[in-house]
Amino acid sequence: MIPAEFDYVRASSVDEAVAALAGAGDAKLLAGGQSLLPLLRLRLAYPEVVVDLGRVDALRGIREEGDRLVIGAMTTHAEVLGSDAVRRHAPLVAEATATVADRQVRHRGTFGGSLAHADPAGDLPAVALALDAEFVVQGPSGRRTVPASEFFTDYLQSALAPDDVLVEVSLPKLGDGWGVHYEKFHRVAQAWAIVGVAAAVRRSNGSIAEARIGLTNMGPTPVRATAVEQALAGGAASQEAVRQAAARATDGARPTSDLHAQADYRNHLVQVLTARAVLKAAG
């Protein structure tokens, strides 16, 4: 189909993008376009203005800031995968990004665009939640930082206001002793996750000292499996202990039934995948 008519603005700076959004009644940001363009073609979105961020170089790049790794919102998935700093300091991000769609999408789709889209079936929101990421957002009143625990508010909705631009995402570096794994179950290659589990585990003296678990597609937003984290902390890294803790993965989750899976099936899957992800992360 042909999109409905809209005005087009190609911003050259973050300030210019924010101004364009603030001056429009109904505007959409265009990053990599992998989510927005299909919505426009199917006429599921009718923006009056589309603001293109493709020339805003300040939104691209990966840098280290002390004990944190900062990824610009317009950095592509392919650039994330090619980064030595990401593989070294945020390997869970690299693992999950490698499962995003296909090679073509990863070369056009952006790290920030995937997170701002706030799809609970997307791979990166659960990772950001598990790693306690921080989102740097700029609006008409300036910049502010939003923790991942407050960023995802509902299905396809986030803390971004209509005139906000996601600038960058800050992630803590994982030090020695941490192991990670992203476990994803999907019907066919390159499909959305029916269920996914992002796990980061720190071992000490043969036990699990700390765990961070994020769940994909287990509710209208990504889910932090705090009950599993608490059950794992201080416990043995044995298969039986991990499986008992993973049985708590459904606590706080609100999976839906759809064409791909029923809610009870997702509840079963998440327990199995959580145990698998934790065991792999724990080595």
C-alpha atoms as a PDB file:
ATOM      1  CA  MET A   1       0.000   0.000   0.000  1.00  0.00           C
ATOM      2  CA  ILE A   2       0.940   3.666  -0.307  1.00  0.00           C
ATOM      3  CA  PRO A   3       1.396   5.653   2.956  1.00  0.00           C
ATOM      4  CA  ALA A   4      -0.909   8.523   3.762  1.00  0.00           C
ATOM      5  CA  GLU A   5       0.446  11.969   2.954  1.00  0.00           C
ATOM      6  CA  PHE A   6       2.859  13.534   5.477  1.00  0.00           C
ATOM      7  CA  ASP A   7       5.443  16.316   5.714  1.00  0.00           C
ATOM      8  CA  TYR A   8       9.108  15.312   5.872  1.00  0.00           C
ATOM      9  CA  VAL A   9      11.850  16.949   7.937  1.00  0.00           C
ATOM     10  CA  ARG A  10      15.493  15.847   7.761  1.00  0.00           C
ATOM     11  CA  ALA A  11      17.089  17.001  11.003  1.00  0.00           C
ATOM     12  CA  SER A  12      20.811  17.769  11.221  1.00  0.00           C
ATOM     13  CA  SER A  13      20.998  17.956  15.029  1.00  0.00           C
ATOM     14  CA  VAL A  14      19.170  16.707  18.101  1.00  0.00           C
ATOM     15  CA  ASP A  15      17.960  20.233  18.861  1.00  0.00           C
ATOM     16  CA  GLU A  16      16.523  20.528  15.350  1.00  0.00           C
ATOM     17  CA  ALA A  17      14.744  17.170  15.699  1.00  0.00           C
ATOM     18  CA  VAL A  18      13.243  18.167  19.039  1.00  0.00           C
ATOM     19  CA  ALA A  19      12.062  21.486  17.614  1.00  0.00           C
ATOM     20  CA  ALA A  20      10.447  19.743  14.643  1.00  0.00           C
ATOM     21  CA  LEU A  21       8.622  17.337  16.954  1.00  0.00           C
ATOM     22  CA  ALA A  22       7.487  20.128  19.277  1.00  0.00           C
ATOM     23  CA  GLY A  23       6.114  22.149  16.363  1.00  0.00           C
ATOM     24  CA  ALA A  24       4.056  19.298  14.902  1.00  0.00           C
ATOM     25  CA  GLY A  25       0.696  17.980  15.941  1.00  0.00           C
ATOM     26  CA  ASP A  26       1.378  14.311  15.283  1.00  0.00           C
ATOM     27  CA  ALA A  27       4.970  13.454  14.407  1.00  0.00           C
ATOM     28  CA  LYS A  28       7.058  10.288  14.170  1.00  0.00           C
ATOM     29  CA  LEU A  29      10.814   9.851  14.298  1.00  0.00           C
ATOM     30  CA  LEU A  30      12.480   7.894  11.506  1.00  0.00           C
ATOM     31  CA  ALA A  31      15.629   6.060  12.626  1.00  0.00           C
ATOM     32  CA  GLY A  32      16.375   2.848  10.743  1.00  0.00           C
ATOM     33  CA  GLY A  33      12.771   2.605   9.551  1.00  0.00           C
ATOM     34  CA  GLN A  34      12.454  -1.123  10.169  1.00  0.00           C
ATOM     35  CA  SER A  35       9.366  -0.643  12.370  1.00  0.00           C
ATOM     36  CA  LEU A  36       7.946   2.659  11.142  1.00  0.00           C
ATOM     37  CA  LEU A  37       7.967   2.077   7.378  1.00  0.00           C
ATOM     38  CA  PRO A  38       5.796  -1.073   7.487  1.00  0.00           C
ATOM     39  CA  LEU A  39       3.317   0.782   9.722  1.00  0.00           C
ATOM     40  CA  LEU A  40       3.181   3.662   7.255  1.00  0.00           C
ATOM     41  CA  ARG A  41       2.711   1.397   4.242  1.00  0.00           C
ATOM     42  CA  LEU A  42      -0.091  -0.522   5.962  1.00  0.00           C
ATOM     43  CA  ARG A  43      -1.631   2.784   7.093  1.00  0.00           C
ATOM     44  CA  LEU A  44      -1.500   1.721  10.712  1.00  0.00           C
ATOM     45  CA  ALA A  45       0.208   5.046  11.431  1.00  0.00           C
ATOM     46  CA  TYR A  46      -0.918   8.458  10.108  1.00  0.00           C
ATOM     47  CA  PRO A  47       1.702  11.007  11.187  1.00  0.00           C
ATOM     48  CA  GLU A  48       1.448  14.570   9.984  1.00  0.00           C
ATOM     49  CA  VAL A  49       5.242  14.881  10.051  1.00  0.00           C
ATOM     50  CA  VAL A  50       8.098  12.371   9.797  1.00  0.00           C
ATOM     51  CA  VAL A  51      11.387  13.606  11.282  1.00  0.00           C
ATOM     52  CA  ASP A  52      14.404  11.792   9.828  1.00  0.00           C
ATOM     53  CA  LEU A  53      17.380  11.314  12.186  1.00  0.00           C
ATOM     54  CA  GLY A  54      19.637   9.796   9.529  1.00  0.00           C
ATOM     55  CA  ARG A  55      21.977  12.813   9.360  1.00  0.00           C
ATOM     56  CA  VAL A  56      22.310  13.413  13.103  1.00  0.00           C
ATOM     57  CA  ASP A  57      25.845  12.126  13.580  1.00  0.00           C
ATOM     58  CA  ALA A  58      25.808  13.021  17.284  1.00  0.00           C
ATOM     59  CA  LEU A  59      23.436  10.090  17.830  1.00  0.00           C
ATOM     60  CA  ARG A  60      25.895   7.521  16.467  1.00  0.00           C
ATOM     61  CA  GLY A  61      28.810   5.748  18.060  1.00  0.00           C
ATOM     62  CA  ILE A  62      29.942   3.681  21.019  1.00  0.00           C
ATOM     63  CA  ARG A  63      32.192   4.993  23.766  1.00  0.00           C
ATOM     64  CA  GLU A  64      33.419   4.100  27.236  1.00  0.00           C
ATOM     65  CA  GLU A  65      32.807   6.411  30.186  1.00  0.00           C
ATOM     66  CA  GLY A  66      34.516   5.011  33.257  1.00  0.00           C
ATOM     67  CA  ASP A  67      32.624   1.930  34.410  1.00  0.00           C
ATOM     68  CA  ARG A  68      29.873   2.388  31.820  1.00  0.00           C
ATOM     69  CA  LEU A  69      29.449   1.772  28.105  1.00  0.00           C
ATOM     70  CA  VAL A  70      27.426   4.309  26.119  1.00  0.00           C
ATOM     71  CA  ILE A  71      25.727   3.429  22.820  1.00  0.00           C
ATOM     72  CA  GLY A  72      24.264   6.172  20.640  1.00  0.00           C
ATOM     73  CA  ALA A  73      20.630   5.722  19.683  1.00  0.00           C
ATOM     74  CA  MET A  74      21.313   5.775  15.918  1.00  0.00           C
ATOM     75  CA  THR A  75      24.078   3.159  16.123  1.00  0.00           C
ATOM     76  CA  THR A  76      23.039   0.233  13.935  1.00  0.00           C
ATOM     77  CA  HIS A  77      22.776  -3.339  15.168  1.00  0.00           C
ATOM     78  CA  ALA A  78      25.611  -4.264  12.814  1.00  0.00           C
ATOM     79  CA  GLU A  79      27.831  -1.608  14.401  1.00  0.00           C
ATOM     80  CA  VAL A  80      26.980  -2.934  17.858  1.00  0.00           C
ATOM     81  CA  LEU A  81      27.937  -6.451  16.774  1.00  0.00           C
ATOM     82  CA  GLY A  82      31.195  -5.191  15.298  1.00  0.00           C
ATOM     83  CA  SER A  83      32.249  -3.363  18.454  1.00  0.00           C
ATOM     84  CA  ASP A  84      35.066  -4.854  20.536  1.00  0.00           C
ATOM     85  CA  ALA A  85      33.932  -2.708  23.474  1.00  0.00           C
ATOM     86  CA  VAL A  86      30.427  -4.196  23.387  1.00  0.00           C
ATOM     87  CA  ARG A  87      31.714  -7.753  23.163  1.00  0.00           C
ATOM     88  CA  ARG A  88      34.127  -7.118  26.031  1.00  0.00           C
ATOM     89  CA  HIS A  89      31.974  -5.067  28.422  1.00  0.00           C
ATOM     90  CA  ALA A  90      28.359  -5.854  27.423  1.00  0.00           C
ATOM     91  CA  PRO A  91      28.427  -9.355  25.903  1.00  0.00           C
ATOM     92  CA  LEU A  92      24.742  -9.892  26.694  1.00  0.00           C
ATOM     93  CA  VAL A  93      23.906  -7.005  24.350  1.00  0.00           C
ATOM     94  CA  ALA A  94      26.033  -8.609  21.630  1.00  0.00           C
ATOM     95  CA  GLU A  95      24.373 -12.028  22.075  1.00  0.00           C
ATOM     96  CA  ALA A  96      20.853 -10.635  21.910  1.00  0.00           C
ATOM     97  CA  THR A  97      21.627  -8.307  18.999  1.00  0.00           C
ATOM     98  CA  ALA A  98      22.922 -11.246  16.968  1.00  0.00           C
ATOM     99  CA  THR A  99      19.404 -12.756  17.118  1.00  0.00           C
ATOM    100  CA  VAL A 100      17.637  -9.607  15.848  1.00  0.00           C
ATOM    101  CA  ALA A 101      15.888 -10.334  12.540  1.00  0.00           C
ATOM    102  CA  ASP A 102      18.301 -10.887   9.640  1.00  0.00           C
ATOM    103  CA  ARG A 103      21.534  -9.376   8.328  1.00  0.00           C
ATOM    104  CA  GLN A 104      19.738  -6.799   6.168  1.00  0.00           C
ATOM    105  CA  VAL A 105      17.644  -5.522   9.075  1.00  0.00           C
ATOM    106  CA  ARG A 106      20.665  -5.402  11.376  1.00  0.00           C
ATOM    107  CA  HIS A 107      22.473  -3.155   8.897  1.00  0.00           C
ATOM    108  CA  ARG A 108      19.594  -0.659   8.794  1.00  0.00           C
ATOM    109  CA  GLY A 109      17.870  -1.046  12.157  1.00  0.00           C
ATOM    110  CA  THR A 110      19.195   0.974  15.090  1.00  0.00           C
ATOM    111  CA  PHE A 111      19.913   0.148  18.706  1.00  0.00           C
ATOM    112  CA  GLY A 112      17.909   3.092  20.025  1.00  0.00           C
ATOM    113  CA  GLY A 113      15.067   2.633  17.572  1.00  0.00           C
ATOM    114  CA  SER A 114      14.535  -0.945  18.704  1.00  0.00           C
ATOM    115  CA  LEU A 115      14.364   0.148  22.343  1.00  0.00           C
ATOM    116  CA  ALA A 116      12.191   3.219  21.715  1.00  0.00           C
ATOM    117  CA  HIS A 117       9.704   1.045  19.791  1.00  0.00           C
ATOM    118  CA  ALA A 118       9.134  -0.722  23.138  1.00  0.00           C
ATOM    119  CA  ASP A 119       7.916  -3.987  21.663  1.00  0.00           C
ATOM    120  CA  PRO A 120       7.887  -6.608  24.457  1.00  0.00           C
ATOM    121  CA  ALA A 121       8.644  -9.263  21.812  1.00  0.00           C
ATOM    122  CA  GLY A 122      11.813  -7.403  20.819  1.00  0.00           C
ATOM    123  CA  ASP A 123      15.105  -8.827  22.026  1.00  0.00           C
ATOM    124  CA  LEU A 124      16.814  -5.701  23.368  1.00  0.00           C
ATOM    125  CA  PRO A 125      14.249  -4.315  25.866  1.00  0.00           C
ATOM    126  CA  ALA A 126      14.610  -7.337  28.178  1.00  0.00           C
ATOM    127  CA  VAL A 127      18.402  -7.030  27.980  1.00  0.00           C
ATOM    128  CA  ALA A 128      18.286  -3.321  28.861  1.00  0.00           C
ATOM    129  CA  LEU A 129      16.021  -4.093  31.814  1.00  0.00           C
ATOM    130  CA  ALA A 130      18.217  -6.936  33.083  1.00  0.00           C
ATOM    131  CA  LEU A 131      21.368  -4.792  32.878  1.00  0.00           C
ATOM    132  CA  ASP A 132      19.810  -1.742  34.585  1.00  0.00           C
ATOM    133  CA  ALA A 133      20.442   0.427  31.539  1.00  0.00           C
ATOM    134  CA  GLU A 134      19.862   4.171  31.630  1.00  0.00           C
ATOM    135  CA  PHE A 135      18.217   6.069  28.768  1.00  0.00           C
ATOM    136  CA  VAL A 136      19.352   9.620  28.022  1.00  0.00           C
ATOM    137  CA  VAL A 137      16.421  11.537  26.548  1.00  0.00           C
ATOM    138  CA  GLN A 138      16.268  15.078  25.173  1.00  0.00           C
ATOM    139  CA  GLY A 139      13.115  17.169  24.973  1.00  0.00           C
ATOM    140  CA  PRO A 140      12.225  20.866  24.828  1.00  0.00           C
ATOM    141  CA  SER A 141      13.250  21.285  28.494  1.00  0.00           C
ATOM    142  CA  GLY A 142      16.661  19.689  28.033  1.00  0.00           C
ATOM    143  CA  ARG A 143      18.110  16.280  28.800  1.00  0.00           C
ATOM    144  CA  ARG A 144      17.109  13.793  31.455  1.00  0.00           C
ATOM    145  CA  THR A 145      18.012  10.225  32.342  1.00  0.00           C
ATOM    146  CA  VAL A 146      15.363   7.500  32.617  1.00  0.00           C
ATOM    147  CA  PRO A 147      16.229   4.135  34.206  1.00  0.00           C
ATOM    148  CA  ALA A 148      15.176   1.069  32.249  1.00  0.00           C
ATOM    149  CA  SER A 149      12.803   0.089  35.062  1.00  0.00           C
ATOM    150  CA  GLU A 150      10.765   3.230  34.286  1.00  0.00           C
ATOM    151  CA  PHE A 151      11.258   3.454  30.519  1.00  0.00           C
ATOM    152  CA  PHE A 152       8.865   0.743  29.291  1.00  0.00           C
ATOM    153  CA  THR A 153       5.357   1.712  30.380  1.00  0.00           C
ATOM    154  CA  ASP A 154       2.940  -0.430  28.329  1.00  0.00           C
ATOM    155  CA  TYR A 155       2.631  -2.299  25.055  1.00  0.00           C
ATOM    156  CA  LEU A 156       4.559  -0.281  22.417  1.00  0.00           C
ATOM    157  CA  GLN A 157       4.665   2.638  24.861  1.00  0.00           C
ATOM    158  CA  SER A 158       7.582   4.188  26.690  1.00  0.00           C
ATOM    159  CA  ALA A 159       8.461   7.148  28.889  1.00  0.00           C
ATOM    160  CA  LEU A 160       9.298   9.153  25.747  1.00  0.00           C
ATOM    161  CA  ALA A 161       7.028  12.165  25.302  1.00  0.00           C
ATOM    162  CA  PRO A 162       5.823  13.032  21.770  1.00  0.00           C
ATOM    163  CA  ASP A 163       8.549  15.687  21.475  1.00  0.00           C
ATOM    164  CA  ASP A 164      11.367  13.604  23.024  1.00  0.00           C
ATOM    165  CA  VAL A 165      14.376  12.104  21.252  1.00  0.00           C
ATOM    166  CA  LEU A 166      16.278   9.139  22.670  1.00  0.00           C
ATOM    167  CA  VAL A 167      19.921  10.260  22.524  1.00  0.00           C
ATOM    168  CA  GLU A 168      21.902   7.337  23.934  1.00  0.00           C
ATOM    169  CA  VAL A 169      21.794   4.338  26.244  1.00  0.00           C
ATOM    170  CA  SER A 170      24.251   3.858  29.111  1.00  0.00           C
ATOM    171  CA  LEU A 171      25.047   0.347  30.330  1.00  0.00           C
ATOM    172  CA  PRO A 172      27.174  -0.784  33.284  1.00  0.00           C
ATOM    173  CA  LYS A 173      30.263  -2.742  32.327  1.00  0.00           C
ATOM    174  CA  LEU A 174      30.193  -6.326  33.531  1.00  0.00           C
ATOM    175  CA  GLY A 175      33.446  -7.175  35.282  1.00  0.00           C
ATOM    176  CA  ASP A 176      35.212 -10.414  36.094  1.00  0.00           C
ATOM    177  CA  GLY A 177      33.125 -13.334  37.250  1.00  0.00           C
ATOM    178  CA  TRP A 178      30.097 -12.536  35.121  1.00  0.00           C
ATOM    179  CA  GLY A 179      28.701 -14.929  32.546  1.00  0.00           C
ATOM    180  CA  VAL A 180      25.844 -14.140  30.183  1.00  0.00           C
ATOM    181  CA  HIS A 181      23.449 -15.846  27.813  1.00  0.00           C
ATOM    182  CA  TYR A 182      20.404 -14.882  25.752  1.00  0.00           C
ATOM    183  CA  GLU A 183      18.037 -17.789  25.155  1.00  0.00           C
ATOM    184  CA  LYS A 184      15.333 -17.267  22.522  1.00  0.00           C
ATOM    185  CA  PHE A 185      12.576 -19.565  21.299  1.00  0.00           C
ATOM    186  CA  HIS A 186      10.970 -18.713  17.966  1.00  0.00           C
ATOM    187  CA  ARG A 187       9.081 -20.700  15.377  1.00  0.00           C
ATOM    188  CA  VAL A 188      11.337 -19.939  12.430  1.00  0.00           C
ATOM    189  CA  ALA A 189      14.671 -18.211  11.924  1.00  0.00           C
ATOM    190  CA  GLN A 190      14.535 -14.395  12.053  1.00  0.00           C
ATOM    191  CA  ALA A 191      11.085 -14.375  13.683  1.00  0.00           C
ATOM    192  CA  TRP A 192      10.006 -12.511  16.805  1.00  0.00           C
ATOM    193  CA  ALA A 193      10.624 -14.367  20.046  1.00  0.00           C
ATOM    194  CA  ILE A 194       7.727 -16.374  21.412  1.00  0.00           C
ATOM    195  CA  VAL A 195       9.672 -16.197  24.672  1.00  0.00           C
ATOM    196  CA  GLY A 196      13.198 -15.000  25.369  1.00  0.00           C
ATOM    197  CA  VAL A 197      15.391 -14.870  28.476  1.00  0.00           C
ATOM    198  CA  ALA A 198      18.351 -12.542  29.055  1.00  0.00           C
ATOM    199  CA  ALA A 199      20.548 -13.820  31.869  1.00  0.00           C
ATOM    200  CA  ALA A 200      23.667 -12.404  33.518  1.00  0.00           C
ATOM    201  CA  VAL A 201      25.158 -14.439  36.363  1.00  0.00           C
ATOM    202  CA  ARG A 202      28.088 -13.711  38.652  1.00  0.00           C
ATOM    203  CA  ARG A 203      29.664 -16.721  40.312  1.00  0.00           C
ATOM    204  CA  SER A 204      31.814 -16.728  43.424  1.00  0.00           C
ATOM    205  CA  ASN A 205      33.360 -19.741  45.176  1.00  0.00           C
ATOM    206  CA  GLY A 206      31.253 -22.132  43.134  1.00  0.00           C
ATOM    207  CA  SER A 207      27.937 -20.455  44.015  1.00  0.00           C
ATOM    208  CA  ILE A 208      25.783 -17.863  42.283  1.00  0.00           C
ATOM    209  CA  ALA A 209      26.497 -14.577  44.010  1.00  0.00           C
ATOM    210  CA  GLU A 210      24.204 -12.451  41.862  1.00  0.00           C
ATOM    211  CA  ALA A 211      21.871 -12.832  38.882  1.00  0.00           C
ATOM    212  CA  ARG A 212      20.040 -10.466  36.565  1.00  0.00           C
ATOM    213  CA  ILE A 213      17.177 -11.866  34.497  1.00  0.00           C
ATOM    214  CA  GLY A 214      15.035 -10.113  31.862  1.00  0.00           C
ATOM    215  CA  LEU A 215      12.130 -11.776  30.053  1.00  0.00           C
ATOM    216  CA  THR A 216      11.018 -11.171  26.473  1.00  0.00           C
ATOM    217  CA  ASN A 217       7.337 -11.409  25.432  1.00  0.00           C
ATOM    218  CA  MET A 218       6.002 -12.309  28.872  1.00  0.00           C
ATOM    219  CA  GLY A 219       3.731  -9.300  29.241  1.00  0.00           C
ATOM    220  CA  PRO A 220       2.884  -5.890  27.738  1.00  0.00           C
ATOM    221  CA  THR A 221       6.397  -4.747  28.718  1.00  0.00           C
ATOM    222  CA  PRO A 222       9.681  -6.598  29.235  1.00  0.00           C
ATOM    223  CA  VAL A 223       9.712  -8.292  32.637  1.00  0.00           C
ATOM    224  CA  ARG A 224      12.435  -8.314  35.299  1.00  0.00           C
ATOM    225  CA  ALA A 225      12.348 -11.775  36.925  1.00  0.00           C
ATOM    226  CA  THR A 226      13.200 -10.561  40.420  1.00  0.00           C
ATOM    227  CA  ALA A 227      11.783 -13.673  42.099  1.00  0.00           C
ATOM    228  CA  VAL A 228      14.223 -15.841  40.130  1.00  0.00           C
ATOM    229  CA  GLU A 229      17.093 -13.475  40.925  1.00  0.00           C
ATOM    230  CA  GLN A 230      16.364 -13.667  44.642  1.00  0.00           C
ATOM    231  CA  ALA A 231      16.049 -17.446  44.555  1.00  0.00           C
ATOM    232  CA  LEU A 232      19.386 -17.791  42.754  1.00  0.00           C
ATOM    233  CA  ALA A 233      21.400 -15.384  44.928  1.00  0.00           C
ATOM    234  CA  GLY A 234      23.706 -17.262  47.263  1.00  0.00           C
ATOM    235  CA  GLY A 235      22.592 -20.639  45.956  1.00  0.00           C
ATOM    236  CA  ALA A 236      24.434 -23.458  44.258  1.00  0.00           C
ATOM    237  CA  ALA A 237      25.046 -23.359  40.533  1.00  0.00           C
ATOM    238  CA  SER A 238      23.666 -26.876  40.181  1.00  0.00           C
ATOM    239  CA  GLN A 239      21.029 -27.937  37.691  1.00  0.00           C
ATOM    240  CA  GLU A 240      18.498 -28.793  40.404  1.00  0.00           C
ATOM    241  CA  ALA A 241      18.937 -25.502  42.290  1.00  0.00           C
ATOM    242  CA  VAL A 242      18.711 -23.469  39.086  1.00  0.00           C
ATOM    243  CA  ARG A 243      15.587 -25.300  37.917  1.00  0.00           C
ATOM    244  CA  GLN A 244      13.881 -24.708  41.247  1.00  0.00           C
ATOM    245  CA  ALA A 245      14.672 -21.004  41.012  1.00  0.00           C
ATOM    246  CA  ALA A 246      13.545 -20.875  37.364  1.00  0.00           C
ATOM    247  CA  ALA A 247      10.111 -22.130  38.392  1.00  0.00           C
ATOM    248  CA  ARG A 248       9.581 -18.608  39.782  1.00  0.00           C
ATOM    249  CA  ALA A 249       9.953 -17.044  36.325  1.00  0.00           C
ATOM    250  CA  THR A 250       6.191 -16.677  35.957  1.00  0.00           C
ATOM    251  CA  ASP A 251       5.945 -14.513  39.095  1.00  0.00           C
ATOM    252  CA  GLY A 252       4.898 -11.044  37.966  1.00  0.00           C
ATOM    253  CA  ALA A 253       4.613 -12.053  34.305  1.00  0.00           C
ATOM    254  CA  ARG A 254       1.453 -11.440  32.287  1.00  0.00           C
ATOM    255  CA  PRO A 255       1.839 -13.389  29.045  1.00  0.00           C
ATOM    256  CA  THR A 256      -0.822 -13.083  26.381  1.00  0.00           C
ATOM    257  CA  SER A 257      -2.370 -15.647  24.068  1.00  0.00           C
ATOM    258  CA  ASP A 258      -1.996 -14.967  20.353  1.00  0.00           C
ATOM    259  CA  LEU A 259      -1.617 -16.723  17.011  1.00  0.00           C
ATOM    260  CA  HIS A 260       1.840 -17.994  17.971  1.00  0.00           C
ATOM    261  CA  ALA A 261       1.322 -19.328  21.496  1.00  0.00           C
ATOM    262  CA  GLN A 262      -1.140 -19.562  24.360  1.00  0.00           C
ATOM    263  CA  ALA A 263      -0.360 -17.944  27.703  1.00  0.00           C
ATOM    264  CA  ASP A 264       0.008 -21.269  29.521  1.00  0.00           C
ATOM    265  CA  TYR A 265       2.497 -22.436  26.890  1.00  0.00           C
ATOM    266  CA  ARG A 266       4.542 -19.261  27.402  1.00  0.00           C
ATOM    267  CA  ASN A 267       4.456 -19.851  31.164  1.00  0.00           C
ATOM    268  CA  HIS A 268       5.907 -23.323  30.626  1.00  0.00           C
ATOM    269  CA  LEU A 269       8.469 -22.108  28.099  1.00  0.00           C
ATOM    270  CA  VAL A 270       9.790 -19.312  30.272  1.00  0.00           C
ATOM    271  CA  GLN A 271      10.609 -21.693  33.109  1.00  0.00           C
ATOM    272  CA  VAL A 272      12.485 -24.035  30.793  1.00  0.00           C
ATOM    273  CA  LEU A 273      14.338 -21.235  29.000  1.00  0.00           C
ATOM    274  CA  THR A 274      15.219 -19.417  32.216  1.00  0.00           C
ATOM    275  CA  ALA A 275      16.865 -22.535  33.631  1.00  0.00           C
ATOM    276  CA  ARG A 276      18.703 -23.069  30.347  1.00  0.00           C
ATOM    277  CA  ALA A 277      19.886 -19.459  30.119  1.00  0.00           C
ATOM    278  CA  VAL A 278      21.073 -19.328  33.735  1.00  0.00           C
ATOM    279  CA  LEU A 279      22.948 -22.623  33.480  1.00  0.00           C
ATOM    280  CA  LYS A 280      24.690 -21.485  30.313  1.00  0.00           C
ATOM    281  CA  ALA A 281      25.527 -18.096  31.810  1.00  0.00           C
ATOM    282  CA  ALA A 282      26.886 -19.813  34.927  1.00  0.00           C
ATOM    283  CA  GLY A 283      29.061 -22.050  32.792  1.00  0.00           C
END
